[in-house]
Structures are given as C-alpha cells and as structure tokens.
Amino acid sequence: MDIKVVKFGGSSLADAKQFEKVAAIIKDDPTRRYVVPSAPGKRFSGDDKVTDLLYRCYDHASKGEDIDAEFEVIMGRYNDIIRDLKLDFSLEKEFAQIKNAFLCHAGRDYAASRGEYLNGLILAKYLGFPFLDAAGVIFFNEDGSFNAKLTNTILSSKLRTMHNAVIPGFYGAMPNDTIRTFSRGGSDITGSIVARAADADLYENWTDVSGFLMADPRIITNPRPIRVITYHELRELSYMGASVLHEDAIFPVRYAGIPINIRNTNQPEAEGTMIVPDSKHPSYETKEIVTGIAGKKGFCTITLEKDRMNDEVGFGRKVLQVFENHNICFEHLPSGIDTMCVILNNRDLEGVKDMVINEICQTVEPDTISFDDDLALVAVVGRGMVKAKGTASRVFKAVAAADVNIRMIDQGSSEQNIVIGVAESCFETAMRAIYAEFSEDNAIK
C-alpha cells in the first residue's frame, strides 16, 4: 500500500470545524497514514495564534508575573475544540503539568512546543490514531542543530510498528531531554522528516492556500498558480520571500526523492502544487519558461574599488573572511576587474556595520569603499530559462519600460534564476513589470 504523510497547518486546525475538515480529508484516503499537526492558528482576523499566546504567557511567568488569566485563555482554546467535537476527553492533567513547568521556567522552546503537543493529543483522539510524541523520535545535537541520522534511525524503526500515528510538529528533544523547537513554521520540517522516515510515496502539506502562486498576491492581482515545481526552484523562491512552505522542509524529502503536494484544507478538491525532485519528473512542464517571481526588501551593498584588484591573489578571500569573523553570510557577489560588491541582509550588519567596514579597509586597503542600504532583490526563477533565448533581455526591458533602474544583476551558473537589485521604492513596480512581461505572451502557464 502507498504511504502518504500529511501535515496540517495552524489555520487548518484552528477550531472544531477545521478539525472536522481535516478528519474528512484523512479518512477519504486510507494511504494518509501519518499525520503531523500544527498548533491552532487564527480563527478570524485579529485572533491570536496559540503559539503566540504560549510565548506571551511564558514570558510573563519568567518575570514572576501572574499568568492565571492568560493560561485560562489558552486552555479555553483547546477545551472549545474538545467540546465542539463532542469528545469524551480531558487535557486537565496536561494543563496542570504545563502551567507548573511555566512557573518553574522550563524554557521558551518547551512553552512554544506545547501548542502542537496538545493539538496532537486532540487530533489523535478524534481520529482514533495512536499519539507519538515528537520528543521521543526527533533529536537535536548538543549545539542545537538537527540530528538527522539518529532521528531517521529511531523514527523509521518506530513507524514500522505503527500503521497510523499522529506526530506533533515543530519540536524534538536535546540530548539532555529538554525540548528544542525548529524555527517558526517548523511543523513543515517535521512533516518532511516523518515522510523520509516512513519512506512515503508522497508528503502532503495542507494549508489555507491552493498551492504556490507565480508571485506575491499582495503585489500582483490574481497571480497564476504553479502546478508543478522542482525542489531547486522552490528553494530559490522560498528564500526570496515565497512563504507557503518553510524552506528547510525541502531537504529531508529531497534526500529521499519524495514529492511534496501543497494542498488547501478548505478546497480539498483542488490539485494544488506538486513539488518534484527535478525537471525529469513526468509531471514537470518543461515548456514553461518562468516558474515564478519572488523578492524582498531589506538588503544593502558594500562596494570596494581597487586598481589591479584582479592581480591580487586572495583579495576576495580576505574580504569574505571579515564577514565570516562576524558570522555574517553574503547574498551575492557581483564583481568587475577592479570592483567587488557584496550584497548582505541589513539585519546581519546591525550594530557591527562600522566595525566590519573598518576591518575590510585594514585587511585589503581598497582605494574606495561605499555602503548603500536601500536595496530590494527580485528573483526570476525557472528551468525553462536554460533553453529560452532572450529571457534576461526581456526581464531588463520590462523593468526599464517601467522606469526602474537596475542596480545589480546576478545570474546563477545553472541559468535557473536571474536576480536583479532595485531601489526599495521601486520593488513593487519591478515585480509587476516582470510578471506582466511573461504572462502576456503565455510564457507563464
């Protein structure tokens, strides 16, 4: 029998009505055997996510402040779901343990993880599936990094003994048995980890949108959906701002070659977006030139000029060593014979900008060095660009026609992406111009 791992986001499990939709989806397909739930999300505009409630409650507890009223709100969210589902089930024991742990300062990771833990208990009861605590099967190293090898060994062995299971997302355990969480949205990662361990045929990630869109709908009106996309394309788009799926969720399933299907809990009949290992997959549409357009603001540039820079062995290494010394990653390195430009995220330079610039000056003695923090990046991504002549020209012409000046150009060696830098004030205009250029002649489908 095929095996599917299904992950449901916070909006999919925000209240009892959503639980009923989730249960119907799972029961509709017996191959949906392993379920990864998030904590309850917002039920309506202006509502709170339970994870945010837990963080706030714990912060008050850590300051020695009274948390009774806040904890009552958290309990109420879960008790409302239990009552409306008409379950003969109580979380009173768990509530008492969690509240006591808050008062004993068990840690913010522990506090945040309880949202998924409690939701997992309810969902397991409602489905009639066994509950498998992630703390017993997902492990982190001493330095806080994810221990993929140990996790896959233990989790695979455990799942082979269970036909069905509910495994809460977002957290695992440190070697000292304390709770450690992934970054926000980390339930996506848990789902991917479970899919790999189960040797699943498909990882379904259910959320409140029907897959990926070609561009940000807050900028582009009714952008086209993406039917099929490769892992590589998804990583490029996710990194540049597309936020349907946590970007780190790709790696466990990519290692095993397992496709991901992004689906909509509220429109289960929609096919969503299929994420496949590579363009050789039978469902991948190779005739499409551009798969998607994404971008974000908040970047800066440090530009160095020095005569005969190209003859100075180790110049680039010395510059990058300065950034490494401050634990700063660079984004792009567009360079000329006598110039080197380093694109960075603004937040990485907060509090250390002057120090970094001074160290670069001392290390490589440039003729000039300049800094500019008004940069937005736009990425045009697609496997079809490799074979399509003139794609870059069309991007540049579209942006120029919109009266936007391009301040940086970078194209990956794989020719699967073109990244341009523009002033932050021109970001939305550039996005719309590029999208219009490729959608008008049906290159985007």
Protein backbone atom coordinates (compact mmCIF):
# COMPACT_ATOMS: atom_id res chain seq x y z
CA MET A 1 0.00 0.00 0.00
CA ASP A 2 1.17 3.53 -0.77
CA ILE A 3 2.08 5.72 2.20
CA LYS A 4 1.27 9.41 2.49
CA VAL A 5 2.39 11.70 5.29
CA VAL A 6 0.04 14.63 5.79
CA LYS A 7 0.84 17.82 7.64
CA PHE A 8 -1.86 20.33 8.59
CA GLY A 9 -1.07 23.95 9.38
CA GLY A 10 -2.44 26.13 12.16
CA SER A 11 -5.28 27.58 10.10
CA SER A 12 -6.34 24.03 9.19
CA LEU A 13 -6.69 23.15 12.88
CA ALA A 14 -7.83 26.45 14.38
CA ASP A 15 -11.18 25.20 15.68
CA ALA A 16 -13.53 22.21 15.73
CA LYS A 17 -14.98 22.95 12.29
CA GLN A 18 -11.49 22.81 10.81
CA PHE A 19 -10.77 19.58 12.70
CA GLU A 20 -13.80 18.05 11.01
CA LYS A 21 -12.47 19.05 7.57
CA VAL A 22 -9.08 17.56 8.40
CA ALA A 23 -10.61 14.29 9.59
CA ALA A 24 -12.69 14.02 6.41
CA ILE A 25 -9.57 14.51 4.27
CA ILE A 26 -7.64 11.84 6.17
CA LYS A 27 -10.47 9.31 6.16
CA ASP A 28 -11.09 9.87 2.45
CA ASP A 29 -7.75 8.23 1.63
CA PRO A 30 -6.51 5.25 3.70
CA THR A 31 -2.95 5.83 2.46
CA ARG A 32 -2.86 9.02 4.56
CA ARG A 33 -1.38 7.14 7.47
CA TYR A 34 0.87 9.54 9.38
CA VAL A 35 -0.41 12.97 10.44
CA VAL A 36 1.63 15.97 11.60
CA PRO A 37 -0.42 18.78 13.19
CA SER A 38 0.49 22.38 13.96
CA ALA A 39 -0.82 24.38 16.93
CA PRO A 40 -4.20 26.11 16.47
CA GLY A 41 -3.88 29.21 14.31
CA LYS A 42 -6.11 32.23 13.93
CA ARG A 43 -9.86 31.59 13.68
CA PHE A 44 -10.58 35.05 12.30
CA SER A 45 -8.84 38.34 11.57
CA GLY A 46 -7.49 39.83 14.77
CA ASP A 47 -7.43 36.47 16.58
CA ASP A 48 -4.28 35.12 18.24
CA LYS A 49 -2.31 32.06 17.26
CA VAL A 50 -1.94 29.70 20.21
CA THR A 51 1.85 29.68 19.79
CA ASP A 52 1.90 33.46 20.32
CA LEU A 53 -0.32 33.06 23.40
CA LEU A 54 2.09 30.49 24.80
CA TYR A 55 5.11 32.70 24.20
CA ARG A 56 3.45 35.66 25.94
CA CYS A 57 2.26 33.57 28.84
CA TYR A 58 5.69 32.07 29.39
CA ASP A 59 7.40 35.47 29.19
CA HIS A 60 5.15 36.72 32.00
CA ALA A 61 5.85 33.59 34.05
CA SER A 62 9.61 34.05 33.60
CA LYS A 63 9.26 37.55 35.09
CA GLY A 64 7.41 36.22 38.11
CA GLU A 65 4.11 37.74 36.98
CA ASP A 66 0.69 36.16 37.43
CA ILE A 67 -0.36 34.03 34.44
CA ASP A 68 -3.73 32.68 35.57
CA ALA A 69 -5.83 34.80 33.21
CA GLU A 70 -3.59 34.19 30.19
CA PHE A 71 -3.38 30.47 30.82
CA GLU A 72 -7.18 30.30 31.06
CA VAL A 73 -7.38 31.71 27.52
CA ILE A 74 -5.02 29.03 26.24
CA MET A 75 -6.96 26.25 27.98
CA GLY A 76 -10.17 27.71 26.59
CA ARG A 77 -8.99 27.34 23.01
CA TYR A 78 -8.39 23.62 23.44
CA ASN A 79 -11.44 22.98 25.59
CA ASP A 80 -13.65 24.68 22.99
CA ILE A 81 -12.34 22.28 20.34
CA ILE A 82 -12.88 19.25 22.57
CA ARG A 83 -16.40 20.35 23.48
CA ASP A 84 -17.45 21.18 19.91
CA LEU A 85 -16.10 17.84 18.66
CA LYS A 86 -18.12 16.14 21.41
CA LEU A 87 -15.10 14.19 22.60
CA ASP A 88 -15.05 12.30 25.88
CA PHE A 89 -11.58 13.58 26.59
CA SER A 90 -9.80 15.88 29.03
CA LEU A 91 -6.48 17.71 29.00
CA GLU A 92 -6.67 18.85 32.62
CA LYS A 93 -3.67 16.76 33.66
CA GLU A 94 -1.58 18.12 30.78
CA PHE A 95 -2.68 21.70 31.53
CA ALA A 96 -1.55 21.36 35.14
CA GLN A 97 1.83 19.95 34.12
CA ILE A 98 2.41 22.68 31.55
CA LYS A 99 1.44 25.50 33.89
CA ASN A 100 3.73 24.17 36.58
CA ALA A 101 6.57 23.90 34.04
CA PHE A 102 6.00 27.54 33.05
CA LEU A 103 6.25 28.61 36.68
CA CYS A 104 9.46 26.55 37.02
CA HIS A 105 10.95 28.28 33.96
CA ALA A 106 11.14 25.23 31.69
CA GLY A 107 12.19 27.36 28.70
CA ARG A 108 10.58 29.19 25.77
CA ASP A 109 11.08 26.24 23.43
CA TYR A 110 9.15 23.99 25.81
CA ALA A 111 6.40 26.61 26.10
CA ALA A 112 6.01 27.05 22.34
CA SER A 113 6.04 23.30 21.66
CA ARG A 114 3.01 22.67 23.85
CA GLY A 115 0.72 24.13 21.17
CA GLU A 116 1.47 21.27 18.79
CA TYR A 117 1.66 18.72 21.60
CA LEU A 118 -1.86 19.46 22.88
CA ASN A 119 -3.35 19.74 19.39
CA GLY A 120 -1.77 16.40 18.52
CA LEU A 121 -3.40 14.73 21.52
CA ILE A 122 -6.84 16.01 20.49
CA LEU A 123 -6.41 15.07 16.84
CA ALA A 124 -5.18 11.58 17.74
CA LYS A 125 -8.23 11.07 19.94
CA TYR A 126 -10.60 12.37 17.26
CA LEU A 127 -9.09 10.19 14.51
CA GLY A 128 -8.63 7.13 16.70
CA PHE A 129 -4.91 7.09 15.84
CA PRO A 130 -2.10 6.45 18.33
CA PHE A 131 -0.19 9.53 19.52
CA LEU A 132 3.59 9.56 19.05
CA ASP A 133 5.36 12.33 20.98
CA ALA A 134 7.95 14.02 18.77
CA ALA A 135 10.28 14.38 21.78
CA GLY A 136 10.84 10.63 21.68
CA VAL A 137 11.67 10.32 17.98
CA ILE A 138 13.10 13.65 16.75
CA PHE A 139 16.50 14.64 18.08
CA PHE A 140 18.88 17.58 18.19
CA ASN A 141 22.61 17.72 18.82
CA GLU A 142 24.31 19.44 21.76
CA ASP A 143 24.80 22.59 19.66
CA GLY A 144 21.09 22.74 18.83
CA SER A 145 21.41 21.50 15.24
CA PHE A 146 19.07 18.80 13.99
CA ASN A 147 20.40 15.24 14.30
CA ALA A 148 19.08 13.78 11.03
CA LYS A 149 20.84 10.42 11.24
CA LEU A 150 19.66 9.48 14.75
CA THR A 151 16.16 10.81 14.07
CA ASN A 152 15.75 8.82 10.86
CA THR A 153 17.01 5.62 12.51
CA ILE A 154 14.75 5.83 15.58
CA LEU A 155 11.69 7.26 13.82
CA SER A 156 11.85 4.76 10.94
CA SER A 157 12.02 1.86 13.37
CA LYS A 158 9.08 3.22 15.36
CA LEU A 159 6.85 3.89 12.37
CA ARG A 160 7.36 0.37 11.06
CA THR A 161 5.45 -0.82 14.15
CA MET A 162 2.56 1.65 13.66
CA HIS A 163 0.04 1.56 10.82
CA ASN A 164 -1.17 5.06 11.71
CA ALA A 165 0.12 7.79 14.00
CA VAL A 166 -0.21 11.46 14.92
CA ILE A 167 3.20 13.08 15.45
CA PRO A 168 3.07 16.73 16.59
CA GLY A 169 5.19 19.13 14.58
CA PHE A 170 7.70 21.85 15.42
CA TYR A 171 9.77 20.22 18.18
CA GLY A 172 12.06 17.41 19.30
CA ALA A 173 14.46 16.72 22.15
CA MET A 174 18.00 17.70 23.08
CA PRO A 175 20.48 15.08 24.40
CA ASN A 176 19.58 16.16 27.97
CA ASP A 177 15.87 15.53 27.20
CA THR A 178 14.91 19.21 27.19
CA ILE A 179 12.63 20.39 24.39
CA ARG A 180 14.05 22.08 21.31
CA THR A 181 11.96 23.67 18.56
CA PHE A 182 12.62 24.37 14.92
CA SER A 183 12.17 27.97 13.73
CA ARG A 184 8.61 29.28 13.31
CA GLY A 185 6.75 27.25 10.70
CA GLY A 186 8.85 24.25 11.69
CA SER A 187 5.94 21.81 11.54
CA ASP A 188 6.64 21.76 7.79
CA ILE A 189 10.09 20.39 8.63
CA THR A 190 8.63 17.74 10.94
CA GLY A 191 6.31 16.57 8.18
CA SER A 192 9.25 16.23 5.81
CA ILE A 193 11.27 14.33 8.43
CA VAL A 194 8.37 11.93 9.03
CA ALA A 195 7.89 11.42 5.27
CA ARG A 196 11.52 10.42 4.87
CA ALA A 197 11.44 8.10 7.89
CA ALA A 198 8.23 6.44 6.67
CA ASP A 199 9.67 6.06 3.15
CA ALA A 200 6.49 7.77 2.00
CA ASP A 201 5.36 7.95 -1.61
CA LEU A 202 4.07 11.49 -1.09
CA TYR A 203 4.23 14.25 1.52
CA GLU A 204 1.02 16.32 1.52
CA ASN A 205 1.29 19.71 3.18
CA TRP A 206 -2.19 21.08 3.84
CA THR A 207 -2.62 24.79 4.44
CA ASP A 208 -5.09 27.60 3.65
CA VAL A 209 -3.97 28.24 0.04
CA SER A 210 -4.24 26.06 -3.05
CA GLY A 211 -0.52 25.72 -3.65
CA PHE A 212 2.12 28.20 -4.76
CA LEU A 213 1.36 31.27 -6.84
CA MET A 214 3.62 32.72 -9.53
CA ALA A 215 4.05 35.88 -7.48
CA ASP A 216 3.02 37.55 -4.24
CA PRO A 217 -0.76 38.24 -4.40
CA ARG A 218 -0.23 41.31 -2.20
CA ILE A 219 1.68 42.82 -5.14
CA ILE A 220 0.24 41.06 -8.22
CA THR A 221 -3.52 40.86 -8.72
CA ASN A 222 -4.68 37.24 -9.14
CA PRO A 223 -1.29 35.70 -10.00
CA ARG A 224 -1.39 32.36 -11.76
CA PRO A 225 -0.95 29.18 -9.71
CA ILE A 226 2.10 26.96 -10.13
CA ARG A 227 1.05 23.40 -10.93
CA VAL A 228 4.47 21.71 -10.75
CA ILE A 229 7.80 23.00 -9.46
CA THR A 230 11.18 21.41 -8.70
CA TYR A 231 12.84 21.38 -5.28
CA HIS A 232 15.54 23.71 -6.59
CA GLU A 233 13.07 26.24 -7.95
CA LEU A 234 11.09 26.11 -4.73
CA ARG A 235 14.19 26.78 -2.65
CA GLU A 236 15.05 29.80 -4.80
CA LEU A 237 11.53 31.22 -4.47
CA SER A 238 11.18 30.41 -0.76
CA TYR A 239 14.49 32.05 0.03
CA MET A 240 13.40 35.18 -1.83
CA GLY A 241 10.16 35.56 0.05
CA ALA A 242 7.60 32.94 -1.09
CA SER A 243 6.26 31.66 2.24
CA VAL A 244 3.81 28.81 1.69
CA LEU A 245 6.35 26.22 2.84
CA HIS A 246 9.26 26.51 5.28
CA GLU A 247 12.37 26.47 3.05
CA ASP A 248 14.19 23.91 5.27
CA ALA A 249 11.32 21.45 4.79
CA ILE A 250 12.70 20.58 1.37
CA PHE A 251 15.87 18.84 2.46
CA PRO A 252 14.69 15.61 4.16
CA VAL A 253 12.34 14.68 1.31
CA ARG A 254 14.77 15.86 -1.36
CA TYR A 255 17.32 13.42 0.06
CA ALA A 256 14.80 10.60 -0.39
CA GLY A 257 13.30 11.83 -3.68
CA ILE A 258 9.79 12.16 -2.20
CA PRO A 259 7.42 14.64 -3.93
CA ILE A 260 5.56 17.27 -1.88
CA ASN A 261 1.98 18.26 -2.66
CA ILE A 262 0.79 21.63 -1.30
CA ARG A 263 -2.98 21.41 -0.77
CA ASN A 264 -5.82 23.58 0.58
CA THR A 265 -7.77 22.21 3.56
CA ASN A 266 -10.71 24.43 2.65
CA GLN A 267 -10.67 23.35 -1.03
CA PRO A 268 -9.58 19.70 -0.91
CA GLU A 269 -10.73 19.13 -4.50
CA ALA A 270 -8.00 21.49 -5.79
CA GLU A 271 -4.86 19.71 -7.02
CA GLY A 272 -2.54 22.32 -5.51
CA THR A 273 1.15 22.45 -6.35
CA MET A 274 3.33 19.38 -6.80
CA ILE A 275 6.99 19.78 -5.82
CA VAL A 276 9.14 17.19 -7.62
CA PRO A 277 12.84 16.22 -7.40
CA ASP A 278 13.86 17.57 -10.81
CA SER A 279 12.65 18.54 -14.27
CA LYS A 280 12.90 14.91 -15.43
CA HIS A 281 9.82 14.05 -13.37
CA PRO A 282 6.96 13.08 -15.74
CA SER A 283 4.63 15.74 -14.39
CA TYR A 284 7.05 18.63 -14.85
CA GLU A 285 6.12 21.10 -17.62
CA THR A 286 9.43 21.79 -19.38
CA LYS A 287 7.84 24.17 -21.91
CA GLU A 288 7.29 26.81 -19.23
CA ILE A 289 9.99 29.49 -19.33
CA VAL A 290 9.42 31.12 -15.94
CA THR A 291 8.12 29.21 -12.94
CA GLY A 292 7.79 32.08 -10.50
CA ILE A 293 8.86 35.56 -9.43
CA ALA A 294 9.71 36.45 -5.84
CA GLY A 295 11.61 39.09 -3.96
CA LYS A 296 12.09 41.00 -0.74
CA LYS A 297 13.44 44.23 0.66
CA GLY A 298 16.00 44.84 3.36
CA PHE A 299 19.35 44.40 1.62
CA CYS A 300 22.49 46.52 1.49
CA THR A 301 25.68 46.68 -0.58
CA ILE A 302 29.30 47.19 0.36
CA THR A 303 31.26 48.13 -2.76
CA LEU A 304 35.06 48.10 -2.91
CA GLU A 305 37.25 49.58 -5.67
CA LYS A 306 40.98 48.96 -6.04
CA ASP A 307 43.26 49.23 -9.03
CA ARG A 308 44.55 45.85 -10.26
CA MET A 309 42.35 44.00 -7.79
CA ASN A 310 42.25 41.06 -10.17
CA ASP A 311 46.04 40.60 -9.84
CA GLU A 312 45.96 40.50 -6.04
CA VAL A 313 45.85 36.82 -5.04
CA GLY A 314 43.44 36.15 -2.16
CA PHE A 315 41.69 39.54 -2.29
CA GLY A 316 38.18 38.09 -2.33
CA ARG A 317 39.00 35.51 0.32
CA LYS A 318 40.33 38.19 2.67
CA VAL A 319 37.17 40.30 2.26
CA LEU A 320 34.87 37.36 2.89
CA GLN A 321 36.95 36.32 5.90
CA VAL A 322 35.97 39.59 7.58
CA PHE A 323 32.29 38.72 7.20
CA GLU A 324 32.92 35.17 8.41
CA ASN A 325 34.65 36.53 11.51
CA HIS A 326 31.40 38.31 12.36
CA ASN A 327 29.22 35.30 11.49
CA ILE A 328 27.70 37.13 8.51
CA CYS A 329 26.58 35.36 5.31
CA PHE A 330 26.67 37.17 1.99
CA GLU A 331 23.81 37.03 -0.53
CA HIS A 332 25.51 37.85 -3.85
CA LEU A 333 28.94 38.86 -5.14
CA PRO A 334 28.63 40.81 -8.43
CA SER A 335 32.15 41.93 -9.32
CA GLY A 336 34.30 43.60 -12.00
CA ILE A 337 38.06 43.65 -12.71
CA ASP A 338 38.74 46.39 -10.18
CA THR A 339 35.50 46.29 -8.16
CA MET A 340 33.88 43.89 -5.76
CA CYS A 341 30.31 44.29 -4.49
CA VAL A 342 28.99 42.27 -1.56
CA ILE A 343 25.20 42.07 -1.10
CA LEU A 344 24.14 41.49 2.51
CA ASN A 345 20.98 41.40 4.58
CA ASN A 346 20.63 44.64 6.54
CA ARG A 347 19.80 42.86 9.77
CA ASP A 348 23.13 41.00 9.75
CA LEU A 349 25.03 44.28 9.95
CA GLU A 350 23.04 45.78 12.80
CA GLY A 351 25.43 47.03 15.44
CA VAL A 352 28.58 45.95 13.57
CA LYS A 353 28.48 47.87 10.27
CA ASP A 354 31.23 50.37 11.09
CA MET A 355 33.39 47.66 12.63
CA VAL A 356 33.07 45.46 9.54
CA ILE A 357 33.87 48.29 7.12
CA ASN A 358 36.89 49.33 9.16
CA GLU A 359 38.19 45.75 9.23
CA ILE A 360 37.80 45.44 5.45
CA CYS A 361 39.76 48.68 4.99
CA GLN A 362 42.55 47.44 7.25
CA THR A 363 42.62 43.99 5.64
CA VAL A 364 42.66 44.78 1.88
CA GLU A 365 43.23 48.57 1.76
CA PRO A 366 40.74 49.40 -1.03
CA ASP A 367 41.04 52.68 -2.92
CA THR A 368 37.40 53.42 -2.07
CA ILE A 369 34.64 51.68 -0.15
CA SER A 370 30.96 52.65 -0.13
CA PHE A 371 27.81 51.47 1.62
CA ASP A 372 24.18 51.60 0.45
CA ASP A 373 21.26 50.17 2.44
CA ASP A 374 18.37 50.88 0.04
CA LEU A 375 18.20 47.67 -1.97
CA ALA A 376 15.47 45.17 -2.82
CA LEU A 377 16.11 41.92 -4.69
CA VAL A 378 13.81 40.32 -7.28
CA ALA A 379 14.39 36.74 -8.45
CA VAL A 380 13.02 35.34 -11.71
CA VAL A 381 13.13 31.54 -11.44
CA GLY A 382 12.51 28.79 -13.98
CA ARG A 383 14.07 25.71 -15.51
CA GLY A 384 12.84 26.76 -18.93
CA MET A 385 15.17 29.76 -18.94
CA VAL A 386 18.13 27.50 -19.79
CA LYS A 387 16.78 26.81 -23.30
CA ALA A 388 14.83 30.03 -23.91
CA LYS A 389 16.84 32.70 -25.71
CA GLY A 390 16.43 36.30 -24.66
CA THR A 391 14.89 35.71 -21.21
CA ALA A 392 17.31 38.06 -19.47
CA SER A 393 16.77 40.68 -22.16
CA ARG A 394 13.02 40.55 -21.63
CA VAL A 395 13.46 40.97 -17.87
CA PHE A 396 15.67 44.03 -18.30
CA LYS A 397 13.48 45.62 -20.98
CA ALA A 398 10.34 45.17 -18.88
CA VAL A 399 11.96 46.81 -15.87
CA ALA A 400 13.39 49.65 -17.96
CA ALA A 401 10.00 50.26 -19.58
CA ALA A 402 8.57 50.69 -16.09
CA ASP A 403 11.17 53.43 -15.48
CA VAL A 404 13.03 51.39 -12.87
CA ASN A 405 16.83 51.47 -12.70
CA ILE A 406 18.57 48.12 -12.18
CA ARG A 407 21.41 48.49 -9.67
CA MET A 408 22.59 44.88 -9.54
CA ILE A 409 22.40 41.82 -11.81
CA ASP A 410 23.31 38.25 -10.88
CA GLN A 411 22.53 35.09 -12.84
CA GLY A 412 23.24 31.65 -11.42
CA SER A 413 25.57 29.35 -13.35
CA SER A 414 22.71 26.86 -13.71
CA GLU A 415 20.73 29.56 -15.58
CA GLN A 416 17.68 28.75 -13.48
CA ASN A 417 17.43 32.17 -11.90
CA ILE A 418 18.09 35.82 -12.64
CA VAL A 419 18.36 38.16 -9.65
CA ILE A 420 18.19 41.92 -10.00
CA GLY A 421 18.59 44.64 -7.40
CA VAL A 422 16.46 47.78 -7.44
CA ALA A 423 15.75 50.61 -5.04
CA GLU A 424 13.28 49.58 -2.35
CA SER A 425 10.84 52.26 -3.53
CA CYS A 426 10.76 50.56 -6.96
CA PHE A 427 10.35 46.99 -5.71
CA GLU A 428 6.63 46.54 -6.36
CA THR A 429 6.83 48.30 -9.74
CA ALA A 430 9.61 45.98 -10.89
CA MET A 431 7.71 42.88 -9.74
CA ARG A 432 4.58 43.90 -11.64
CA ALA A 433 6.55 44.75 -14.79
CA ILE A 434 8.34 41.40 -14.91
CA TYR A 435 5.17 39.43 -14.22
CA ALA A 436 3.28 41.30 -16.93
CA GLU A 437 6.06 40.68 -19.46
CA PHE A 438 5.92 36.92 -19.13
CA SER A 439 2.21 36.45 -18.50
CA GLU A 440 1.08 38.43 -21.51
CA ASP A 441 2.52 36.02 -24.06
CA ASN A 442 1.52 32.93 -22.05
CA ALA A 443 5.12 32.03 -21.23
CA ILE A 444 3.81 31.62 -17.68
CA LYS A 445 1.09 28.99 -17.67
